[in-house]
């Protein structure tokens, strides 16, 4: 028995375009992001993919991506939204321009904050408009689950328990899975599936709007993975 799952990083968002640290801020897709999502659906249809259930985060850029894909594929399936698939929270960097931060702190420091596995950016002030605890959309999230900063390691420790508990059992039932998530939550899944080292995972880039297929064996160990074109 083998399984196929598809992972998609959401299409380009407004803050991707503006080169800002986004994290848990709920920004929309750009026109390009919408087109990327439609193109993703077209590629999936061309390769004769179908899905039984979709998993996504609480953020509209990931939700809108899956909604566009499912609409274009004419699929009406359950969609599960969970904090486990959220993007990494960038703490005090949230909302700031990446190039401006390089000028202020140096390229090497910003690279460490962005790409190291276990170094957290500076914490965000709980008085900030970008602190999730001050946002209406997170009012039902337990305070202990709302971070003030996260490293990729923190993201991994949030994403993978959800993956193991909620998604793996559904894959084992033979259900066809689509995951519409974010660069770092998908990195966490890739690290887990392929047992990627802490150093190597920081170098892996996840393009927006491109379907990444994983073929898994009966124990959910990867056989191979590839992007569909």
Protein backbone atom coordinates (compact mmCIF):
# COMPACT_ATOMS: atom_id res chain seq x y z
CA UNK A 1 0.00 0.00 0.00
CA UNK A 2 1.34 3.41 -0.97
CA UNK A 3 -0.09 6.89 -0.47
CA UNK A 4 0.21 10.25 -2.19
CA UNK A 5 -0.19 13.57 -0.41
CA UNK A 6 0.10 17.09 -1.81
CA UNK A 7 1.61 20.05 0.05
CA UNK A 8 1.07 23.59 -1.27
CA UNK A 9 2.50 26.82 0.06
CA UNK A 10 -0.09 29.57 -0.35
CA UNK A 11 0.14 31.91 -3.33
CA UNK A 12 1.98 35.21 -3.10
CA UNK A 13 0.55 37.45 -0.35
CA UNK A 14 0.51 41.25 -0.08
CA UNK A 15 3.33 41.17 2.46
CA UNK A 16 5.36 38.70 0.38
CA UNK A 17 5.20 41.33 -2.33
CA UNK A 18 6.19 44.10 0.11
CA UNK A 19 9.05 41.96 1.49
CA UNK A 20 7.73 42.18 5.06
CA UNK A 21 7.88 39.62 7.88
CA UNK A 22 4.31 38.31 7.95
CA UNK A 23 3.95 35.41 10.38
CA UNK A 24 0.51 35.41 12.00
CA UNK A 25 -0.75 38.67 10.47
CA UNK A 26 -3.76 37.90 8.28
CA UNK A 27 -2.86 39.44 4.92
CA UNK A 28 -4.61 38.60 1.62
CA UNK A 29 -3.28 37.13 -1.59
CA UNK A 30 -2.09 39.41 -4.39
CA UNK A 31 -3.47 39.09 -7.92
CA UNK A 32 -0.38 37.03 -8.66
CA UNK A 33 -1.13 34.84 -5.63
CA UNK A 34 -4.66 34.22 -6.91
CA UNK A 35 -3.30 33.29 -10.34
CA UNK A 36 -0.69 30.99 -8.74
CA UNK A 37 -3.49 29.19 -6.91
CA UNK A 38 -5.51 28.79 -10.10
CA UNK A 39 -2.42 27.51 -11.91
CA UNK A 40 -1.83 25.03 -9.08
CA UNK A 41 -5.36 23.68 -9.55
CA UNK A 42 -4.80 23.42 -13.29
CA UNK A 43 -1.61 21.41 -12.75
CA UNK A 44 -3.34 19.09 -10.27
CA UNK A 45 -6.23 18.51 -12.67
CA UNK A 46 -3.85 17.87 -15.56
CA UNK A 47 -2.11 15.21 -13.46
CA UNK A 48 -5.49 13.68 -12.52
CA UNK A 49 -5.28 14.38 -8.78
CA UNK A 50 -8.34 14.45 -6.56
CA UNK A 51 -8.76 14.91 -2.82
CA UNK A 52 -10.96 13.71 0.04
CA UNK A 53 -9.97 16.22 2.72
CA UNK A 54 -7.94 19.41 2.96
CA UNK A 55 -5.93 20.75 5.90
CA UNK A 56 -4.97 24.39 6.30
CA UNK A 57 -4.17 27.08 8.88
CA UNK A 58 -6.27 29.90 10.34
CA UNK A 59 -4.79 32.46 7.93
CA UNK A 60 -6.71 33.72 4.90
CA UNK A 61 -3.77 33.48 2.49
CA UNK A 62 -3.68 29.70 3.03
CA UNK A 63 -7.47 29.37 3.26
CA UNK A 64 -8.03 31.41 0.09
CA UNK A 65 -5.43 29.31 -1.71
CA UNK A 66 -7.20 26.05 -0.88
CA UNK A 67 -10.62 27.56 -1.68
CA UNK A 68 -9.42 28.63 -5.13
CA UNK A 69 -7.83 25.22 -5.76
CA UNK A 70 -10.92 23.30 -4.70
CA UNK A 71 -13.26 25.59 -6.66
CA UNK A 72 -11.17 25.27 -9.82
CA UNK A 73 -11.05 21.48 -9.36
CA UNK A 74 -14.82 21.41 -8.66
CA UNK A 75 -14.27 19.60 -5.36
CA UNK A 76 -16.51 19.95 -2.31
CA UNK A 77 -14.62 18.27 0.51
CA UNK A 78 -14.12 18.82 4.26
CA UNK A 79 -11.56 21.51 5.13
CA UNK A 80 -9.85 21.31 8.54
CA UNK A 81 -8.32 24.55 9.89
CA UNK A 82 -5.86 24.41 12.75
CA UNK A 83 -3.19 26.47 14.47
CA UNK A 84 -0.82 23.54 13.98
CA UNK A 85 -0.31 24.51 10.33
CA UNK A 86 0.25 28.23 11.01
CA UNK A 87 3.26 30.08 9.71
CA UNK A 88 6.15 30.73 12.06
CA UNK A 89 5.60 33.78 14.29
CA UNK A 90 8.42 36.29 13.72
CA UNK A 91 8.08 38.11 17.03
CA UNK A 92 9.36 41.69 17.04
CA UNK A 93 10.22 41.49 13.33
CA UNK A 94 6.55 41.16 12.37
CA UNK A 95 5.48 43.80 9.87
CA UNK A 96 9.02 45.06 9.24
CA UNK A 97 10.70 45.20 5.84
CA UNK A 98 13.43 42.56 5.48
CA UNK A 99 15.82 44.80 3.54
CA UNK A 100 15.46 47.61 6.09
CA UNK A 101 16.24 45.16 8.88
CA UNK A 102 19.41 44.10 7.02
CA UNK A 103 20.53 47.75 6.95
CA UNK A 104 19.75 48.16 10.64
CA UNK A 105 21.09 44.88 12.08
CA UNK A 106 23.33 43.56 9.31
CA UNK A 107 22.68 40.90 6.71
CA UNK A 108 24.22 38.12 8.79
CA UNK A 109 22.01 38.79 11.85
CA UNK A 110 18.83 38.93 9.77
CA UNK A 111 19.86 35.71 8.01
CA UNK A 112 20.28 34.03 11.41
CA UNK A 113 16.83 35.20 12.51
CA UNK A 114 15.24 34.06 9.24
CA UNK A 115 17.07 30.85 8.53
CA UNK A 116 18.67 29.31 11.63
CA UNK A 117 16.79 26.34 13.05
CA UNK A 118 16.63 27.23 16.73
CA UNK A 119 17.44 30.96 17.10
CA UNK A 120 14.35 33.04 17.86
CA UNK A 121 13.94 36.64 16.66
CA UNK A 122 13.42 39.29 19.38
CA UNK A 123 10.14 38.87 21.27
CA UNK A 124 7.21 41.08 20.33
CA UNK A 125 5.74 43.46 22.89
CA UNK A 126 2.35 42.31 24.13
CA UNK A 127 1.20 45.89 23.53
CA UNK A 128 1.95 45.61 19.80
CA UNK A 129 -0.90 45.57 17.28
CA UNK A 130 0.84 42.54 15.76
CA UNK A 131 0.87 40.50 18.98
CA UNK A 132 -1.67 37.72 18.23
CA UNK A 133 -3.14 38.04 21.72
CA UNK A 134 -4.44 41.48 20.68
CA UNK A 135 -6.08 40.23 17.48
CA UNK A 136 -9.77 39.35 17.37
CA UNK A 137 -9.17 36.30 15.18
CA UNK A 138 -7.16 34.60 17.96
CA UNK A 139 -9.56 35.35 20.83
CA UNK A 140 -10.49 31.67 21.19
CA UNK A 141 -6.89 30.42 21.09
CA UNK A 142 -5.59 29.49 24.58
CA UNK A 143 -3.07 32.08 25.80
CA UNK A 144 -0.42 29.39 26.30
CA UNK A 145 -0.55 28.66 22.55
CA UNK A 146 0.06 32.27 21.53
CA UNK A 147 3.80 32.91 21.07
CA UNK A 148 5.78 36.12 21.45
CA UNK A 149 8.41 34.74 19.04
CA UNK A 150 9.19 31.46 17.28
CA UNK A 151 12.15 29.74 15.67
CA UNK A 152 11.72 27.07 13.01
CA UNK A 153 12.25 24.55 15.83
CA UNK A 154 9.25 26.04 17.66
CA UNK A 155 7.24 25.84 14.44
CA UNK A 156 8.24 22.17 14.08
CA UNK A 157 7.16 21.44 17.65
CA UNK A 158 3.75 22.98 16.93
CA UNK A 159 3.19 21.48 13.47
CA UNK A 160 4.39 17.89 13.82
CA UNK A 161 2.24 16.83 16.81
CA UNK A 162 -0.80 18.01 14.83
CA UNK A 163 0.45 16.14 11.75
CA UNK A 164 0.94 12.92 13.70
CA UNK A 165 -2.33 13.10 15.63
CA UNK A 166 -4.75 14.43 13.02
CA UNK A 167 -3.35 13.92 9.53
CA UNK A 168 -1.39 10.66 9.59
CA UNK A 169 -4.39 8.54 10.73
CA UNK A 170 -6.45 9.93 7.84
CA UNK A 171 -3.69 9.14 5.34
CA UNK A 172 -3.57 5.57 6.68
CA UNK A 173 -7.30 5.26 5.95
CA UNK A 174 -6.47 5.80 2.30
CA UNK A 175 -7.87 9.32 2.10
CA UNK A 176 -6.33 11.65 -0.47
CA UNK A 177 -4.89 14.65 1.38
CA UNK A 178 -4.24 18.25 0.32
CA UNK A 179 -2.34 20.54 2.73
CA UNK A 180 -2.48 24.28 2.02
CA UNK A 181 -0.08 25.89 4.44
CA UNK A 182 2.99 28.14 4.78
CA UNK A 183 6.71 28.11 4.04
CA UNK A 184 7.78 27.14 7.56
CA UNK A 185 4.97 24.74 8.45
CA UNK A 186 5.71 22.91 5.19
CA UNK A 187 9.44 22.98 6.02
CA UNK A 188 8.56 21.33 9.34
CA UNK A 189 6.63 18.55 7.56
CA UNK A 190 9.48 18.03 5.08
CA UNK A 191 12.00 17.85 7.93
CA UNK A 192 9.87 15.25 9.68
CA UNK A 193 9.12 13.11 6.63
CA UNK A 194 12.64 13.12 5.17
CA UNK A 195 14.51 13.30 8.48
CA UNK A 196 16.32 16.40 7.23
CA UNK A 197 19.11 17.77 9.44
CA UNK A 198 18.72 21.04 11.34
CA UNK A 199 21.30 22.66 9.06
CA UNK A 200 19.91 21.38 5.76
CA UNK A 201 16.27 22.30 6.43
CA UNK A 202 17.18 25.99 6.72
CA UNK A 203 18.43 25.93 3.11
CA UNK A 204 15.27 24.46 1.59
CA UNK A 205 13.14 26.98 -0.28
CA UNK A 206 9.40 26.40 -0.72
CA UNK A 207 7.98 28.14 -3.81
CA UNK A 208 4.51 29.69 -3.63
CA UNK A 209 1.62 27.99 -5.37
CA UNK A 210 3.47 24.89 -6.59
CA UNK A 211 2.14 21.42 -5.66
CA UNK A 212 4.71 19.25 -3.87
CA UNK A 213 3.83 15.56 -4.02
CA UNK A 214 5.05 13.03 -1.46
CA UNK A 215 4.69 9.34 -2.17
CA UNK A 216 4.69 7.37 1.08
CA UNK A 217 4.97 3.65 1.84
CA UNK A 218 2.66 1.70 4.16
CA UNK A 219 4.57 3.05 7.20
CA UNK A 220 4.24 6.61 5.85
CA UNK A 221 7.94 6.76 5.05
CA UNK A 222 8.81 8.72 1.89
CA UNK A 223 9.44 6.80 -1.31
CA UNK A 224 10.06 9.98 -3.30
CA UNK A 225 8.86 13.56 -3.63
CA UNK A 226 8.62 16.01 -6.52
CA UNK A 227 7.00 19.22 -7.68
CA UNK A 228 4.33 18.93 -10.34
CA UNK A 229 4.71 21.16 -13.39
